[in-house]
PDB file of all heavy atoms in Angstrom:
ATOM      1  N   HIS A   1    -101.403-121.274 180.837  1.00  0.00           N
ATOM      2  CA  HIS A   1    -100.581-121.176 179.633  1.00  0.00           C
ATOM      3  C   HIS A   1    -101.445-120.889 178.412  1.00  0.00           C
ATOM      4  O   HIS A   1    -101.135-121.315 177.302  1.00  0.00           O
ATOM      5  CB  HIS A   1     -99.784-122.460 179.427  1.00  0.00           C
ATOM      6  CG  HIS A   1     -98.517-122.511 180.215  1.00  0.00           C
ATOM      7  ND1 HIS A   1     -97.761-123.648 180.335  1.00  0.00           N
ATOM      8  CD2 HIS A   1     -97.863-121.552 180.933  1.00  0.00           C
ATOM      9  CE1 HIS A   1     -96.702-123.387 181.092  1.00  0.00           C
ATOM     10  NE2 HIS A   1     -96.748-122.125 181.459  1.00  0.00           N
ATOM     11  N   ALA A   2    -102.512-120.134 178.613  1.00  0.00           N
ATOM     12  CA  ALA A   2    -103.416-119.781 177.518  1.00  0.00           C
ATOM     13  C   ALA A   2    -103.365-118.276 177.266  1.00  0.00           C
ATOM     14  O   ALA A   2    -102.901-117.502 178.110  1.00  0.00           O
ATOM     15  CB  ALA A   2    -104.840-120.218 177.840  1.00  0.00           C
ATOM     16  N   PHE A   3    -103.855-117.885 176.085  1.00  0.00           N
ATOM     17  CA  PHE A   3    -104.060-116.473 175.775  1.00  0.00           C
ATOM     18  C   PHE A   3    -105.558-116.192 175.788  1.00  0.00           C
ATOM     19  O   PHE A   3    -106.354-117.025 175.345  1.00  0.00           O
ATOM     20  CB  PHE A   3    -103.487-116.115 174.395  1.00  0.00           C
ATOM     21  CG  PHE A   3    -101.992-116.184 174.326  1.00  0.00           C
ATOM     22  CD1 PHE A   3    -101.354-117.171 173.591  1.00  0.00           C
ATOM     23  CD2 PHE A   3    -101.214-115.231 174.979  1.00  0.00           C
ATOM     24  CE1 PHE A   3     -99.980-117.240 173.527  1.00  0.00           C
ATOM     25  CE2 PHE A   3     -99.823-115.289 174.916  1.00  0.00           C
ATOM     26  CZ  PHE A   3     -99.208-116.295 174.190  1.00  0.00           C
ATOM     27  N   TYR A   4    -105.943-115.001 176.262  1.00  0.00           N
ATOM     28  CA  TYR A   4    -107.349-114.625 176.373  1.00  0.00           C
ATOM     29  C   TYR A   4    -107.604-113.330 175.612  1.00  0.00           C
ATOM     30  O   TYR A   4    -106.944-112.311 175.863  1.00  0.00           O
ATOM     31  CB  TYR A   4    -107.743-114.471 177.841  1.00  0.00           C
ATOM     32  CG  TYR A   4    -107.533-115.755 178.610  1.00  0.00           C
ATOM     33  CD1 TYR A   4    -106.316-116.023 179.223  1.00  0.00           C
ATOM     34  CD2 TYR A   4    -108.531-116.729 178.660  1.00  0.00           C
ATOM     35  CE1 TYR A   4    -106.099-117.214 179.891  1.00  0.00           C
ATOM     36  CE2 TYR A   4    -108.323-117.924 179.322  1.00  0.00           C
ATOM     37  CZ  TYR A   4    -107.108-118.166 179.931  1.00  0.00           C
ATOM     38  OH  TYR A   4    -106.893-119.369 180.569  1.00  0.00           O
ATOM     39  N   TYR A   5    -108.510-113.413 174.649  1.00  0.00           N
ATOM     40  CA  TYR A   5    -108.966-112.263 173.861  1.00  0.00           C
ATOM     41  C   TYR A   5    -107.888-111.710 172.924  1.00  0.00           C
ATOM     42  O   TYR A   5    -108.210-111.162 171.871  1.00  0.00           O
ATOM     43  CB  TYR A   5    -109.465-111.124 174.754  1.00  0.00           C
ATOM     44  CG  TYR A   5    -110.492-111.533 175.771  1.00  0.00           C
ATOM     45  CD1 TYR A   5    -110.254-111.388 177.136  1.00  0.00           C
ATOM     46  CD2 TYR A   5    -111.711-112.083 175.369  1.00  0.00           C
ATOM     47  CE1 TYR A   5    -111.205-111.766 178.072  1.00  0.00           C
ATOM     48  CE2 TYR A   5    -112.662-112.469 176.301  1.00  0.00           C
ATOM     49  CZ  TYR A   5    -112.406-112.305 177.654  1.00  0.00           C
ATOM     50  OH  TYR A   5    -113.330-112.686 178.581  1.00  0.00           O
ATOM     51  N   LEU A   6    -106.625-111.853 173.266  1.00  0.00           N
ATOM     52  CA  LEU A   6    -105.536-111.261 172.499  1.00  0.00           C
ATOM     53  C   LEU A   6    -105.251-112.126 171.270  1.00  0.00           C
ATOM     54  O   LEU A   6    -104.780-113.251 171.385  1.00  0.00           O
ATOM     55  CB  LEU A   6    -104.287-111.146 173.371  1.00  0.00           C
ATOM     56  CG  LEU A   6    -103.069-110.463 172.756  1.00  0.00           C
ATOM     57  CD1 LEU A   6    -103.376-109.024 172.384  1.00  0.00           C
ATOM     58  CD2 LEU A   6    -101.888-110.525 173.738  1.00  0.00           C
ATOM     59  N   THR A   7    -105.527-111.582 170.087  1.00  0.00           N
ATOM     60  CA  THR A   7    -105.390-112.373 168.869  1.00  0.00           C
ATOM     61  C   THR A   7    -104.335-111.840 167.906  1.00  0.00           C
ATOM     62  O   THR A   7    -103.991-112.521 166.945  1.00  0.00           O
ATOM     63  CB  THR A   7    -106.748-112.494 168.149  1.00  0.00           C
ATOM     64  OG1 THR A   7    -106.676-113.481 167.128  1.00  0.00           O
ATOM     65  CG2 THR A   7    -107.190-111.175 167.554  1.00  0.00           C
ATOM     66  N   GLY A   8    -103.805-110.631 168.149  1.00  0.00           N
ATOM     67  CA  GLY A   8    -102.769-110.152 167.244  1.00  0.00           C
ATOM     68  C   GLY A   8    -102.066-108.905 167.740  1.00  0.00           C
ATOM     69  O   GLY A   8    -102.657-108.085 168.461  1.00  0.00           O
ATOM     70  N   VAL A   9    -100.794-108.785 167.383  1.00  0.00           N
ATOM     71  CA  VAL A   9    -100.016-107.558 167.562  1.00  0.00           C
ATOM     72  C   VAL A   9     -99.404-107.247 166.199  1.00  0.00           C
ATOM     73  O   VAL A   9     -98.670-108.071 165.631  1.00  0.00           O
ATOM     74  CB  VAL A   9     -98.909-107.716 168.610  1.00  0.00           C
ATOM     75  CG1 VAL A   9     -98.096-106.426 168.720  1.00  0.00           C
ATOM     76  CG2 VAL A   9     -99.486-108.098 169.967  1.00  0.00           C
ATOM     77  N   ASP A  10     -99.735-106.078 165.657  1.00  0.00           N
ATOM     78  CA  ASP A  10     -99.269-105.668 164.340  1.00  0.00           C
ATOM     79  C   ASP A  10     -98.304-104.501 164.475  1.00  0.00           C
ATOM     80  O   ASP A  10     -98.369-103.724 165.440  1.00  0.00           O
ATOM     81  CB  ASP A  10    -100.439-105.231 163.461  1.00  0.00           C
ATOM     82  CG  ASP A  10    -101.560-106.250 163.410  1.00  0.00           C
ATOM     83  OD1 ASP A  10    -101.263-107.462 163.469  1.00  0.00           O
ATOM     84  OD2 ASP A  10    -102.736-105.836 163.321  1.00  0.00           O
ATOM     85  N   VAL A  11     -97.415-104.363 163.486  1.00  0.00           N
ATOM     86  CA  VAL A  11     -96.472-103.249 163.486  1.00  0.00           C
ATOM     87  C   VAL A  11     -96.469-102.574 162.125  1.00  0.00           C
ATOM     88  O   VAL A  11     -96.865-103.169 161.115  1.00  0.00           O
ATOM     89  CB  VAL A  11     -95.042-103.724 163.838  1.00  0.00           C
ATOM     90  CG1 VAL A  11     -94.990-104.316 165.229  1.00  0.00           C
ATOM     91  CG2 VAL A  11     -94.516-104.716 162.795  1.00  0.00           C
ATOM     92  N   THR A  12     -96.035-101.323 162.096  1.00  0.00           N
ATOM     93  CA  THR A  12     -95.798-100.623 160.833  1.00  0.00           C
ATOM     94  C   THR A  12     -94.311-100.662 160.520  1.00  0.00           C
ATOM     95  O   THR A  12     -93.480-100.795 161.417  1.00  0.00           O
ATOM     96  CB  THR A  12     -96.258 -99.161 160.902  1.00  0.00           C
ATOM     97  OG1 THR A  12     -95.566 -98.497 161.983  1.00  0.00           O
ATOM     98  CG2 THR A  12     -97.754 -99.056 161.134  1.00  0.00           C
ATOM     99  N   GLY A  13     -94.002-100.533 159.236  1.00  0.00           N
ATOM    100  CA  GLY A  13     -92.608-100.492 158.827  1.00  0.00           C
ATOM    101  C   GLY A  13     -91.997-101.846 158.541  1.00  0.00           C
ATOM    102  O   GLY A  13     -90.818-101.939 158.181  1.00  0.00           O
ATOM    103  N   ALA A  14     -92.769-102.926 158.686  1.00  0.00           N
ATOM    104  CA  ALA A  14     -92.266-104.257 158.355  1.00  0.00           C
ATOM    105  C   ALA A  14     -92.497-104.534 156.871  1.00  0.00           C
ATOM    106  O   ALA A  14     -93.152-103.769 156.163  1.00  0.00           O
ATOM    107  CB  ALA A  14     -92.946-105.312 159.209  1.00  0.00           C
ATOM    108  N   ALA A  15     -91.979-105.664 156.395  1.00  0.00           N
ATOM    109  CA  ALA A  15     -92.046-105.995 154.972  1.00  0.00           C
ATOM    110  C   ALA A  15     -93.137-107.007 154.651  1.00  0.00           C
ATOM    111  O   ALA A  15     -93.187-107.524 153.546  1.00  0.00           O
ATOM    112  CB  ALA A  15     -90.700-106.541 154.516  1.00  0.00           C
ATOM    113  N   GLY A  16     -94.030-107.253 155.598  1.00  0.00           N
ATOM    114  CA  GLY A  16     -95.072-108.249 155.393  1.00  0.00           C
ATOM    115  C   GLY A  16     -94.935-109.376 156.392  1.00  0.00           C
ATOM    116  O   GLY A  16     -94.065-109.357 157.282  1.00  0.00           O
ATOM    117  N   THR A  17     -95.794-110.388 156.242  1.00  0.00           N
ATOM    118  CA  THR A  17     -95.898-111.447 157.240  1.00  0.00           C
ATOM    119  C   THR A  17     -95.931-112.824 156.595  1.00  0.00           C
ATOM    120  O   THR A  17     -96.596-113.030 155.579  1.00  0.00           O
ATOM    121  CB  THR A  17     -97.169-111.243 158.089  1.00  0.00           C
ATOM    122  OG1 THR A  17     -97.041-110.023 158.832  1.00  0.00           O
ATOM    123  CG2 THR A  17     -97.381-112.388 159.060  1.00  0.00           C
ATOM    124  N   ILE A  18     -95.209-113.762 157.220  1.00  0.00           N
ATOM    125  CA  ILE A  18     -95.302-115.181 156.914  1.00  0.00           C
ATOM    126  C   ILE A  18     -96.228-115.798 157.954  1.00  0.00           C
ATOM    127  O   ILE A  18     -95.993-115.638 159.155  1.00  0.00           O
ATOM    128  CB  ILE A  18     -93.927-115.870 156.987  1.00  0.00           C
ATOM    129  CG1 ILE A  18     -92.872-115.113 156.182  1.00  0.00           C
ATOM    130  CG2 ILE A  18     -94.041-117.330 156.560  1.00  0.00           C
ATOM    131  CD1 ILE A  18     -93.163-114.976 154.725  1.00  0.00           C
ATOM    132  N   VAL A  19     -97.274-116.483 157.528  1.00  0.00           N
ATOM    133  CA  VAL A  19     -98.205-117.125 158.454  1.00  0.00           C
ATOM    134  C   VAL A  19     -97.904-118.613 158.510  1.00  0.00           C
ATOM    135  O   VAL A  19     -97.817-119.278 157.469  1.00  0.00           O
ATOM    136  CB  VAL A  19     -99.663-116.897 158.025  1.00  0.00           C
ATOM    137  CG1 VAL A  19    -100.622-117.654 158.938  1.00  0.00           C
ATOM    138  CG2 VAL A  19    -100.003-115.407 158.039  1.00  0.00           C
ATOM    139  N   THR A  20     -97.719-119.147 159.714  1.00  0.00           N
ATOM    140  CA  THR A  20     -97.596-120.592 159.889  1.00  0.00           C
ATOM    141  C   THR A  20     -98.938-121.111 160.372  1.00  0.00           C
ATOM    142  O   THR A  20     -99.456-120.678 161.396  1.00  0.00           O
ATOM    143  CB  THR A  20     -96.476-120.951 160.877  1.00  0.00           C
ATOM    144  OG1 THR A  20     -96.734-120.375 162.159  1.00  0.00           O
ATOM    145  CG2 THR A  20     -95.131-120.450 160.368  1.00  0.00           C
ATOM    146  N   TYR A  21     -99.493-122.048 159.614  1.00  0.00           N
ATOM    147  CA  TYR A  21    -100.880-122.474 159.794  1.00  0.00           C
ATOM    148  C   TYR A  21    -100.936-123.974 160.025  1.00  0.00           C
ATOM    149  O   TYR A  21    -100.311-124.737 159.278  1.00  0.00           O
ATOM    150  CB  TYR A  21    -101.695-122.113 158.553  1.00  0.00           C
ATOM    151  CG  TYR A  21    -103.166-122.441 158.670  1.00  0.00           C
ATOM    152  CD1 TYR A  21    -104.030-121.556 159.300  1.00  0.00           C
ATOM    153  CD2 TYR A  21    -103.676-123.631 158.168  1.00  0.00           C
ATOM    154  CE1 TYR A  21    -105.372-121.860 159.426  1.00  0.00           C
ATOM    155  CE2 TYR A  21    -105.024-123.934 158.293  1.00  0.00           C
ATOM    156  CZ  TYR A  21    -105.868-123.044 158.920  1.00  0.00           C
ATOM    157  OH  TYR A  21    -107.197-123.343 159.057  1.00  0.00           O
ATOM    158  N   GLY A  22    -101.691-124.407 161.031  1.00  0.00           N
ATOM    159  CA  GLY A  22    -101.797-125.841 161.223  1.00  0.00           C
ATOM    160  C   GLY A  22    -102.326-126.251 162.578  1.00  0.00           C
ATOM    161  O   GLY A  22    -103.142-125.564 163.190  1.00  0.00           O
ATOM    162  N   ASP A  23    -101.832-127.391 163.052  1.00  0.00           N
ATOM    163  CA  ASP A  23    -102.342-128.021 164.267  1.00  0.00           C
ATOM    164  C   ASP A  23    -101.319-127.886 165.393  1.00  0.00           C
ATOM    165  O   ASP A  23    -100.586-126.900 165.461  1.00  0.00           O
ATOM    166  CB  ASP A  23    -102.721-129.477 163.970  1.00  0.00           C
ATOM    167  CG  ASP A  23    -101.594-130.254 163.285  1.00  0.00           C
ATOM    168  OD1 ASP A  23    -100.420-130.015 163.595  1.00  0.00           O
ATOM    169  OD2 ASP A  23    -101.901-131.119 162.438  1.00  0.00           O
ATOM    170  N   SER A  24    -101.246-128.898 166.278  1.00  0.00           N
ATOM    171  CA  SER A  24    -100.392-128.783 167.460  1.00  0.00           C
ATOM    172  C   SER A  24     -98.912-128.696 167.120  1.00  0.00           C
ATOM    173  O   SER A  24     -98.139-128.100 167.871  1.00  0.00           O
ATOM    174  CB  SER A  24    -100.633-129.975 168.393  1.00  0.00           C
ATOM    175  OG  SER A  24    -100.417-131.208 167.738  1.00  0.00           O
ATOM    176  N   ILE A  25     -98.502-129.290 165.998  1.00  0.00           N
ATOM    177  CA  ILE A  25     -97.087-129.214 165.634  1.00  0.00           C
ATOM    178  C   ILE A  25     -96.728-127.795 165.226  1.00  0.00           C
ATOM    179  O   ILE A  25     -95.677-127.272 165.606  1.00  0.00           O
ATOM    180  CB  ILE A  25     -96.766-130.261 164.551  1.00  0.00           C
ATOM    181  CG1 ILE A  25     -96.882-131.666 165.167  1.00  0.00           C
ATOM    182  CG2 ILE A  25     -95.374-130.038 163.976  1.00  0.00           C
ATOM    183  CD1 ILE A  25     -96.650-132.792 164.199  1.00  0.00           C
ATOM    184  N   THR A  26     -97.579-127.133 164.467  1.00  0.00           N
ATOM    185  CA  THR A  26     -97.364-125.704 164.203  1.00  0.00           C
ATOM    186  C   THR A  26     -97.451-124.904 165.489  1.00  0.00           C
ATOM    187  O   THR A  26     -96.655-123.985 165.729  1.00  0.00           O
ATOM    188  CB  THR A  26     -98.398-125.190 163.185  1.00  0.00           C
ATOM    189  OG1 THR A  26     -98.121-125.766 161.909  1.00  0.00           O
ATOM    190  CG2 THR A  26     -98.349-123.672 163.061  1.00  0.00           C
ATOM    191  N   ASN A  27     -98.409-125.252 166.346  1.00  0.00           N
ATOM    192  CA  ASN A  27     -98.590-124.526 167.598  1.00  0.00           C
ATOM    193  C   ASN A  27     -97.384-124.653 168.527  1.00  0.00           C
ATOM    194  O   ASN A  27     -97.180-123.819 169.402  1.00  0.00           O
ATOM    195  CB  ASN A  27     -99.848-125.022 168.311  1.00  0.00           C
ATOM    196  CG  ASN A  27    -100.299-124.110 169.416  1.00  0.00           C
ATOM    197  OD1 ASN A  27    -100.614-122.954 169.186  1.00  0.00           O
ATOM    198  ND2 ASN A  27    -100.310-124.616 170.641  1.00  0.00           N
ATOM    199  N   GLY A  28     -96.595-125.728 168.346  1.00  0.00           N
ATOM    200  CA  GLY A  28     -95.401-125.917 169.168  1.00  0.00           C
ATOM    201  C   GLY A  28     -95.618-126.780 170.385  1.00  0.00           C
ATOM    202  O   GLY A  28     -94.824-126.725 171.335  1.00  0.00           O
ATOM    203  N   HIS A  29     -96.663-127.614 170.362  1.00  0.00           N
ATOM    204  CA  HIS A  29     -96.978-128.450 171.519  1.00  0.00           C
ATOM    205  C   HIS A  29     -95.760-129.276 171.948  1.00  0.00           C
ATOM    206  O   HIS A  29     -95.052-129.837 171.121  1.00  0.00           O
ATOM    207  CB  HIS A  29     -98.139-129.383 171.187  1.00  0.00           C
ATOM    208  CG  HIS A  29     -98.624-130.185 172.351  1.00  0.00           C
ATOM    209  ND1 HIS A  29     -99.302-129.622 173.414  1.00  0.00           N
ATOM    210  CD2 HIS A  29     -98.523-131.517 172.626  1.00  0.00           C
ATOM    211  CE1 HIS A  29     -99.608-130.564 174.278  1.00  0.00           C
ATOM    212  NE2 HIS A  29     -99.142-131.722 173.827  1.00  0.00           N
ATOM    213  N   ASN A  30     -95.550-129.326 173.259  1.00  0.00           N
ATOM    214  CA  ASN A  30     -94.446-130.038 173.912  1.00  0.00           C
ATOM    215  C   ASN A  30     -93.093-129.344 173.744  1.00  0.00           C
ATOM    216  O   ASN A  30     -92.072-129.891 174.175  1.00  0.00           O
ATOM    217  CB  ASN A  30     -94.329-131.491 173.447  1.00  0.00           C
ATOM    218  CG  ASN A  30     -95.350-132.392 174.110  1.00  0.00           C
ATOM    219  OD1 ASN A  30     -96.134-131.956 174.942  1.00  0.00           O
ATOM    220  ND2 ASN A  30     -95.360-133.668 173.732  1.00  0.00           N
ATOM    221  N   SER A  31     -93.061-128.158 173.152  1.00  0.00           N
ATOM    222  CA  SER A  31     -91.837-127.367 173.240  1.00  0.00           C
ATOM    223  C   SER A  31     -91.767-126.766 174.644  1.00  0.00           C
ATOM    224  O   SER A  31     -92.743-126.783 175.399  1.00  0.00           O
ATOM    225  CB  SER A  31     -91.811-126.267 172.174  1.00  0.00           C
ATOM    226  OG  SER A  31     -92.856-125.329 172.378  1.00  0.00           O
ATOM    227  N   THR A  32     -90.616-126.237 175.009  1.00  0.00           N
ATOM    228  CA  THR A  32     -90.415-125.732 176.367  1.00  0.00           C
ATOM    229  C   THR A  32     -91.261-124.486 176.614  1.00  0.00           C
ATOM    230  O   THR A  32     -91.121-123.495 175.883  1.00  0.00           O
ATOM    231  CB  THR A  32     -88.936-125.404 176.609  1.00  0.00           C
ATOM    232  OG1 THR A  32     -88.149-126.569 176.366  1.00  0.00           O
ATOM    233  CG2 THR A  32     -88.715-124.909 178.029  1.00  0.00           C
ATOM    234  N   PRO A  33     -92.152-124.503 177.626  1.00  0.00           N
ATOM    235  CA  PRO A  33     -92.963-123.318 177.902  1.00  0.00           C
ATOM    236  C   PRO A  33     -92.099-122.101 178.246  1.00  0.00           C
ATOM    237  O   PRO A  33     -91.025-122.229 178.841  1.00  0.00           O
ATOM    238  CB  PRO A  33     -93.818-123.753 179.102  1.00  0.00           C
ATOM    239  CG  PRO A  33     -93.856-125.249 179.038  1.00  0.00           C
ATOM    240  CD  PRO A  33     -92.508-125.639 178.499  1.00  0.00           C
ATOM    241  N   ASP A  34     -92.583-120.948 177.843  1.00  0.00           N
ATOM    242  CA  ASP A  34     -91.927-119.666 178.132  1.00  0.00           C
ATOM    243  C   ASP A  34     -90.534-119.550 177.521  1.00  0.00           C
ATOM    244  O   ASP A  34     -89.748-118.688 177.917  1.00  0.00           O
ATOM    245  CB  ASP A  34     -91.845-119.416 179.641  1.00  0.00           C
ATOM    246  CG  ASP A  34     -93.201-119.175 180.267  1.00  0.00           C
ATOM    247  OD1 ASP A  34     -93.994-118.404 179.704  1.00  0.00           O
ATOM    248  OD2 ASP A  34     -93.487-119.784 181.320  1.00  0.00           O
ATOM    249  N   ALA A  35     -90.222-120.405 176.547  1.00  0.00           N
ATOM    250  CA  ALA A  35     -88.903-120.358 175.919  1.00  0.00           C
ATOM    251  C   ALA A  35     -88.965-120.006 174.442  1.00  0.00           C
ATOM    252  O   ALA A  35     -87.921-119.791 173.822  1.00  0.00           O
ATOM    253  CB  ALA A  35     -88.186-121.698 176.091  1.00  0.00           C
ATOM    254  N   ASP A  36     -90.169-119.957 173.849  1.00  0.00           N
ATOM    255  CA  ASP A  36     -90.342-119.590 172.445  1.00  0.00           C
ATOM    256  C   ASP A  36     -89.504-120.472 171.526  1.00  0.00           C
ATOM    257  O   ASP A  36     -88.647-119.991 170.774  1.00  0.00           O
ATOM    258  CB  ASP A  36     -90.009-118.109 172.228  1.00  0.00           C
ATOM    259  CG  ASP A  36     -90.951-117.207 173.008  1.00  0.00           C
ATOM    260  OD1 ASP A  36     -92.163-117.239 172.740  1.00  0.00           O
ATOM    261  OD2 ASP A  36     -90.470-116.481 173.903  1.00  0.00           O
ATOM    262  N   HIS A  37     -89.787-121.777 171.581  1.00  0.00           N
ATOM    263  CA  HIS A  37     -89.091-122.730 170.727  1.00  0.00           C
ATOM    264  C   HIS A  37     -90.042-123.451 169.777  1.00  0.00           C
ATOM    265  O   HIS A  37     -89.777-124.580 169.371  1.00  0.00           O
ATOM    266  CB  HIS A  37     -88.319-123.744 171.572  1.00  0.00           C
ATOM    267  CG  HIS A  37     -87.042-123.213 172.138  1.00  0.00           C
ATOM    268  ND1 HIS A  37     -86.123-122.529 171.372  1.00  0.00           N
ATOM    269  CD2 HIS A  37     -86.532-123.248 173.393  1.00  0.00           C
ATOM    270  CE1 HIS A  37     -85.096-122.172 172.136  1.00  0.00           C
ATOM    271  NE2 HIS A  37     -85.320-122.595 173.366  1.00  0.00           N
ATOM    272  N   ARG A  38     -91.147-122.806 169.407  1.00  0.00           N
ATOM    273  CA  ARG A  38     -91.961-123.321 168.315  1.00  0.00           C
ATOM    274  C   ARG A  38     -91.149-123.206 167.019  1.00  0.00           C
ATOM    275  O   ARG A  38     -90.223-122.400 166.943  1.00  0.00           O
ATOM    276  CB  ARG A  38     -93.247-122.514 168.181  1.00  0.00           C
ATOM    277  CG  ARG A  38     -94.012-122.301 169.485  1.00  0.00           C
ATOM    278  CD  ARG A  38     -95.005-121.156 169.345  1.00  0.00           C
ATOM    279  NE  ARG A  38     -95.607-120.771 170.609  1.00  0.00           N
ATOM    280  CZ  ARG A  38     -95.079-119.907 171.475  1.00  0.00           C
ATOM    281  NH1 ARG A  38     -93.911-119.320 171.201  1.00  0.00           N
ATOM    282  NH2 ARG A  38     -95.696-119.615 172.594  1.00  0.00           N
ATOM    283  N   TYR A  39     -91.530-123.958 165.994  1.00  0.00           N
ATOM    284  CA  TYR A  39     -90.759-123.814 164.757  1.00  0.00           C
ATOM    285  C   TYR A  39     -90.912-122.419 164.177  1.00  0.00           C
ATOM    286  O   TYR A  39     -89.990-121.881 163.549  1.00  0.00           O
ATOM    287  CB  TYR A  39     -91.118-124.917 163.760  1.00  0.00           C
ATOM    288  CG  TYR A  39     -92.077-124.573 162.648  1.00  0.00           C
ATOM    289  CD1 TYR A  39     -91.663-123.862 161.515  1.00  0.00           C
ATOM    290  CD2 TYR A  39     -93.414-124.983 162.705  1.00  0.00           C
ATOM    291  CE1 TYR A  39     -92.545-123.565 160.479  1.00  0.00           C
ATOM    292  CE2 TYR A  39     -94.292-124.700 161.666  1.00  0.00           C
ATOM    293  CZ  TYR A  39     -93.864-123.982 160.564  1.00  0.00           C
ATOM    294  OH  TYR A  39     -94.737-123.693 159.537  1.00  0.00           O
ATOM    295  N   SER A  40     -92.062-121.793 164.419  1.00  0.00           N
ATOM    296  CA  SER A  40     -92.263-120.425 163.920  1.00  0.00           C
ATOM    297  C   SER A  40     -91.312-119.434 164.589  1.00  0.00           C
ATOM    298  O   SER A  40     -90.876-118.456 163.961  1.00  0.00           O
ATOM    299  CB  SER A  40     -93.712-119.993 164.144  1.00  0.00           C
ATOM    300  OG  SER A  40     -94.063-120.093 165.518  1.00  0.00           O
ATOM    301  N   ASP A  41     -90.984-119.658 165.867  1.00  0.00           N
ATOM    302  CA  ASP A  41     -90.036-118.783 166.551  1.00  0.00           C
ATOM    303  C   ASP A  41     -88.645-118.914 165.945  1.00  0.00           C
ATOM    304  O   ASP A  41     -87.951-117.920 165.706  1.00  0.00           O
ATOM    305  CB  ASP A  41     -89.982-119.122 168.045  1.00  0.00           C
ATOM    306  CG  ASP A  41     -91.301-118.917 168.750  1.00  0.00           C
ATOM    307  OD1 ASP A  41     -91.904-117.848 168.571  1.00  0.00           O
ATOM    308  OD2 ASP A  41     -91.742-119.825 169.471  1.00  0.00           O
ATOM    309  N   ASP A  42     -88.223-120.161 165.706  1.00  0.00           N
ATOM    310  CA  ASP A  42     -86.916-120.379 165.092  1.00  0.00           C
ATOM    311  C   ASP A  42     -86.889-119.844 163.658  1.00  0.00           C
ATOM    312  O   ASP A  42     -85.862-119.319 163.196  1.00  0.00           O
ATOM    313  CB  ASP A  42     -86.572-121.866 165.106  1.00  0.00           C
ATOM    314  CG  ASP A  42     -86.300-122.390 166.511  1.00  0.00           C
ATOM    315  OD1 ASP A  42     -85.538-121.740 167.238  1.00  0.00           O
ATOM    316  OD2 ASP A  42     -86.856-123.424 166.887  1.00  0.00           O
TER     317      ASP A  42
END
């Protein structure tokens, strides 16, 4: 359940980016794996 070497995917035509910065709570620890339920996803 880790990522290797891959640190970003960028797109053109968007209006900018909101960065969520922090520790395990920002990271989404203990949310459902493979379900994208971090607070940043919501």
